[in-house]
Amino acid sequence: MTRLPTDAFAAFVGLDWADAKHDVCLQAAGSEQREHSSLDHTPEAIEAWVCSLQKRFEGKPIAIGLELNKGPIVFALRKYHSSCSFPSTP
């Protein structure tokens, strides 16, 4: 298994996908503090969230751990060059 260098990412995100809302846990690189939030299940909410991350981390790569390897969130995140998705299921 090839390991990516963790210093390549500005932040690490865990995203729990659900029907009505999505829970998010974010940890900025170099920080021990974790931030928790949730997103509504809408394309607009996802886009606003990703755009806020891009602005906050100045377009640097963000690692996003997902419980899915396909579906709406995976498709939505593909259009953002600064997000790197890592599905937990094969």
C-alpha atoms as a PDB file:
ATOM      1  CA  MET A   1       0.000   0.000   0.000  1.00  0.00           C
ATOM      2  CA  THR A   2       1.388   3.361  -1.018  1.00  0.00           C
ATOM      3  CA  ARG A   3       1.190   5.989   1.712  1.00  0.00           C
ATOM      4  CA  LEU A   4       0.794   9.644   0.860  1.00  0.00           C
ATOM      5  CA  PRO A   5       2.798  12.162   2.878  1.00  0.00           C
ATOM      6  CA  THR A   6       0.503  13.789   5.429  1.00  0.00           C
ATOM      7  CA  ASP A   7       2.287  17.123   5.002  1.00  0.00           C
ATOM      8  CA  ALA A   8       0.801  17.299   1.492  1.00  0.00           C
ATOM      9  CA  PHE A   9      -2.594  18.245   2.979  1.00  0.00           C
ATOM     10  CA  ALA A  10      -3.758  21.459   4.619  1.00  0.00           C
ATOM     11  CA  ALA A  11      -6.581  19.655   6.438  1.00  0.00           C
ATOM     12  CA  PHE A  12      -8.103  16.257   7.072  1.00  0.00           C
ATOM     13  CA  VAL A  13     -11.861  15.725   6.955  1.00  0.00           C
ATOM     14  CA  GLY A  14     -14.072  12.804   7.898  1.00  0.00           C
ATOM     15  CA  LEU A  15     -17.496  12.947   6.252  1.00  0.00           C
ATOM     16  CA  ASP A  16     -20.407  10.764   7.380  1.00  0.00           C
ATOM     17  CA  TRP A  17     -22.981  10.668   4.584  1.00  0.00           C
ATOM     18  CA  ALA A  18     -26.670  10.333   5.508  1.00  0.00           C
ATOM     19  CA  ASP A  19     -30.080  10.970   3.951  1.00  0.00           C
ATOM     20  CA  ALA A  20     -30.964  14.303   5.579  1.00  0.00           C
ATOM     21  CA  LYS A  21     -27.647  15.736   6.781  1.00  0.00           C
ATOM     22  CA  HIS A  22     -23.971  14.888   6.754  1.00  0.00           C
ATOM     23  CA  ASP A  23     -21.714  15.043   9.804  1.00  0.00           C
ATOM     24  CA  VAL A  24     -18.243  16.499   9.344  1.00  0.00           C
ATOM     25  CA  CYS A  25     -15.107  16.328  11.461  1.00  0.00           C
ATOM     26  CA  LEU A  26     -12.224  18.567  10.339  1.00  0.00           C
ATOM     27  CA  GLN A  27      -8.678  18.804  11.647  1.00  0.00           C
ATOM     28  CA  ALA A  28      -6.305  21.379  10.169  1.00  0.00           C
ATOM     29  CA  ALA A  29      -2.756  20.184   9.546  1.00  0.00           C
ATOM     30  CA  GLY A  30      -0.515  20.966  12.489  1.00  0.00           C
ATOM     31  CA  SER A  31      -3.452  21.327  14.870  1.00  0.00           C
ATOM     32  CA  GLU A  32      -4.675  18.920  17.524  1.00  0.00           C
ATOM     33  CA  GLN A  33      -8.115  20.526  17.629  1.00  0.00           C
ATOM     34  CA  ARG A  34     -11.014  18.947  15.765  1.00  0.00           C
ATOM     35  CA  GLU A  35     -14.005  20.885  14.512  1.00  0.00           C
ATOM     36  CA  HIS A  36     -17.435  19.281  14.189  1.00  0.00           C
ATOM     37  CA  SER A  37     -20.252  20.481  11.968  1.00  0.00           C
ATOM     38  CA  SER A  38     -23.009  19.183   9.726  1.00  0.00           C
ATOM     39  CA  LEU A  39     -24.183  19.853   6.174  1.00  0.00           C
ATOM     40  CA  ASP A  40     -27.655  19.762   4.728  1.00  0.00           C
ATOM     41  CA  HIS A  41     -28.259  17.179   2.029  1.00  0.00           C
ATOM     42  CA  THR A  42     -28.323  19.653  -0.869  1.00  0.00           C
ATOM     43  CA  PRO A  43     -25.926  20.372  -3.733  1.00  0.00           C
ATOM     44  CA  GLU A  44     -25.883  24.032  -2.670  1.00  0.00           C
ATOM     45  CA  ALA A  45     -24.823  23.206   0.893  1.00  0.00           C
ATOM     46  CA  ILE A  46     -22.053  20.896  -0.311  1.00  0.00           C
ATOM     47  CA  GLU A  47     -20.778  23.489  -2.781  1.00  0.00           C
ATOM     48  CA  ALA A  48     -20.818  26.254  -0.163  1.00  0.00           C
ATOM     49  CA  TRP A  49     -18.937  24.001   2.285  1.00  0.00           C
ATOM     50  CA  VAL A  50     -16.232  23.037  -0.231  1.00  0.00           C
ATOM     51  CA  CYS A  51     -15.833  26.652  -1.362  1.00  0.00           C
ATOM     52  CA  SER A  52     -15.406  27.759   2.259  1.00  0.00           C
ATOM     53  CA  LEU A  53     -12.703  25.100   2.744  1.00  0.00           C
ATOM     54  CA  GLN A  54     -10.925  26.189  -0.435  1.00  0.00           C
ATOM     55  CA  LYS A  55     -10.938  29.793   0.747  1.00  0.00           C
ATOM     56  CA  ARG A  56      -9.894  28.950   4.307  1.00  0.00           C
ATOM     57  CA  PHE A  57      -7.008  26.703   3.207  1.00  0.00           C
ATOM     58  CA  GLU A  58      -6.048  28.861   0.217  1.00  0.00           C
ATOM     59  CA  GLY A  59      -6.702  26.161  -2.386  1.00  0.00           C
ATOM     60  CA  LYS A  60      -4.218  23.722  -0.806  1.00  0.00           C
ATOM     61  CA  PRO A  61      -5.122  20.005  -0.939  1.00  0.00           C
ATOM     62  CA  ILE A  62      -7.632  18.728   1.608  1.00  0.00           C
ATOM     63  CA  ALA A  63      -7.951  15.001   2.402  1.00  0.00           C
ATOM     64  CA  ILE A  64     -11.560  13.891   2.729  1.00  0.00           C
ATOM     65  CA  GLY A  65     -12.305  10.435   4.136  1.00  0.00           C
ATOM     66  CA  LEU A  66     -15.626   9.041   2.943  1.00  0.00           C
ATOM     67  CA  GLU A  67     -17.586   5.946   3.847  1.00  0.00           C
ATOM     68  CA  LEU A  68     -18.628   5.595   0.196  1.00  0.00           C
ATOM     69  CA  ASN A  69     -16.751   4.958  -3.027  1.00  0.00           C
ATOM     70  CA  LYS A  70     -19.571   6.131  -5.298  1.00  0.00           C
ATOM     71  CA  GLY A  71     -22.674   8.247  -5.101  1.00  0.00           C
ATOM     72  CA  PRO A  72     -23.654  11.920  -5.057  1.00  0.00           C
ATOM     73  CA  ILE A  73     -20.976  13.148  -2.630  1.00  0.00           C
ATOM     74  CA  VAL A  74     -18.172  11.366  -4.475  1.00  0.00           C
ATOM     75  CA  PHE A  75     -19.408  12.824  -7.768  1.00  0.00           C
ATOM     76  CA  ALA A  76     -19.803  16.305  -6.262  1.00  0.00           C
ATOM     77  CA  LEU A  77     -16.276  16.351  -4.806  1.00  0.00           C
ATOM     78  CA  ARG A  78     -14.631  15.301  -8.087  1.00  0.00           C
ATOM     79  CA  LYS A  79     -15.059  18.762  -9.577  1.00  0.00           C
ATOM     80  CA  TYR A  80     -12.910  20.393  -6.880  1.00  0.00           C
ATOM     81  CA  HIS A  81      -9.202  20.089  -7.535  1.00  0.00           C
ATOM     82  CA  SER A  82      -8.231  20.890  -3.958  1.00  0.00           C
ATOM     83  CA  SER A  83     -10.147  17.958  -2.447  1.00  0.00           C
ATOM     84  CA  CYS A  84      -8.724  14.456  -2.402  1.00  0.00           C
ATOM     85  CA  SER A  85     -11.352  11.830  -1.555  1.00  0.00           C
ATOM     86  CA  PHE A  86     -10.418   8.620   0.197  1.00  0.00           C
ATOM     87  CA  PRO A  87     -13.315   6.129   0.309  1.00  0.00           C
ATOM     88  CA  SER A  88     -13.153   3.658   3.200  1.00  0.00           C
ATOM     89  CA  THR A  89     -14.918   0.905   1.276  1.00  0.00           C
ATOM     90  CA  PRO A  90     -13.446  -0.815  -1.795  1.00  0.00           C
END
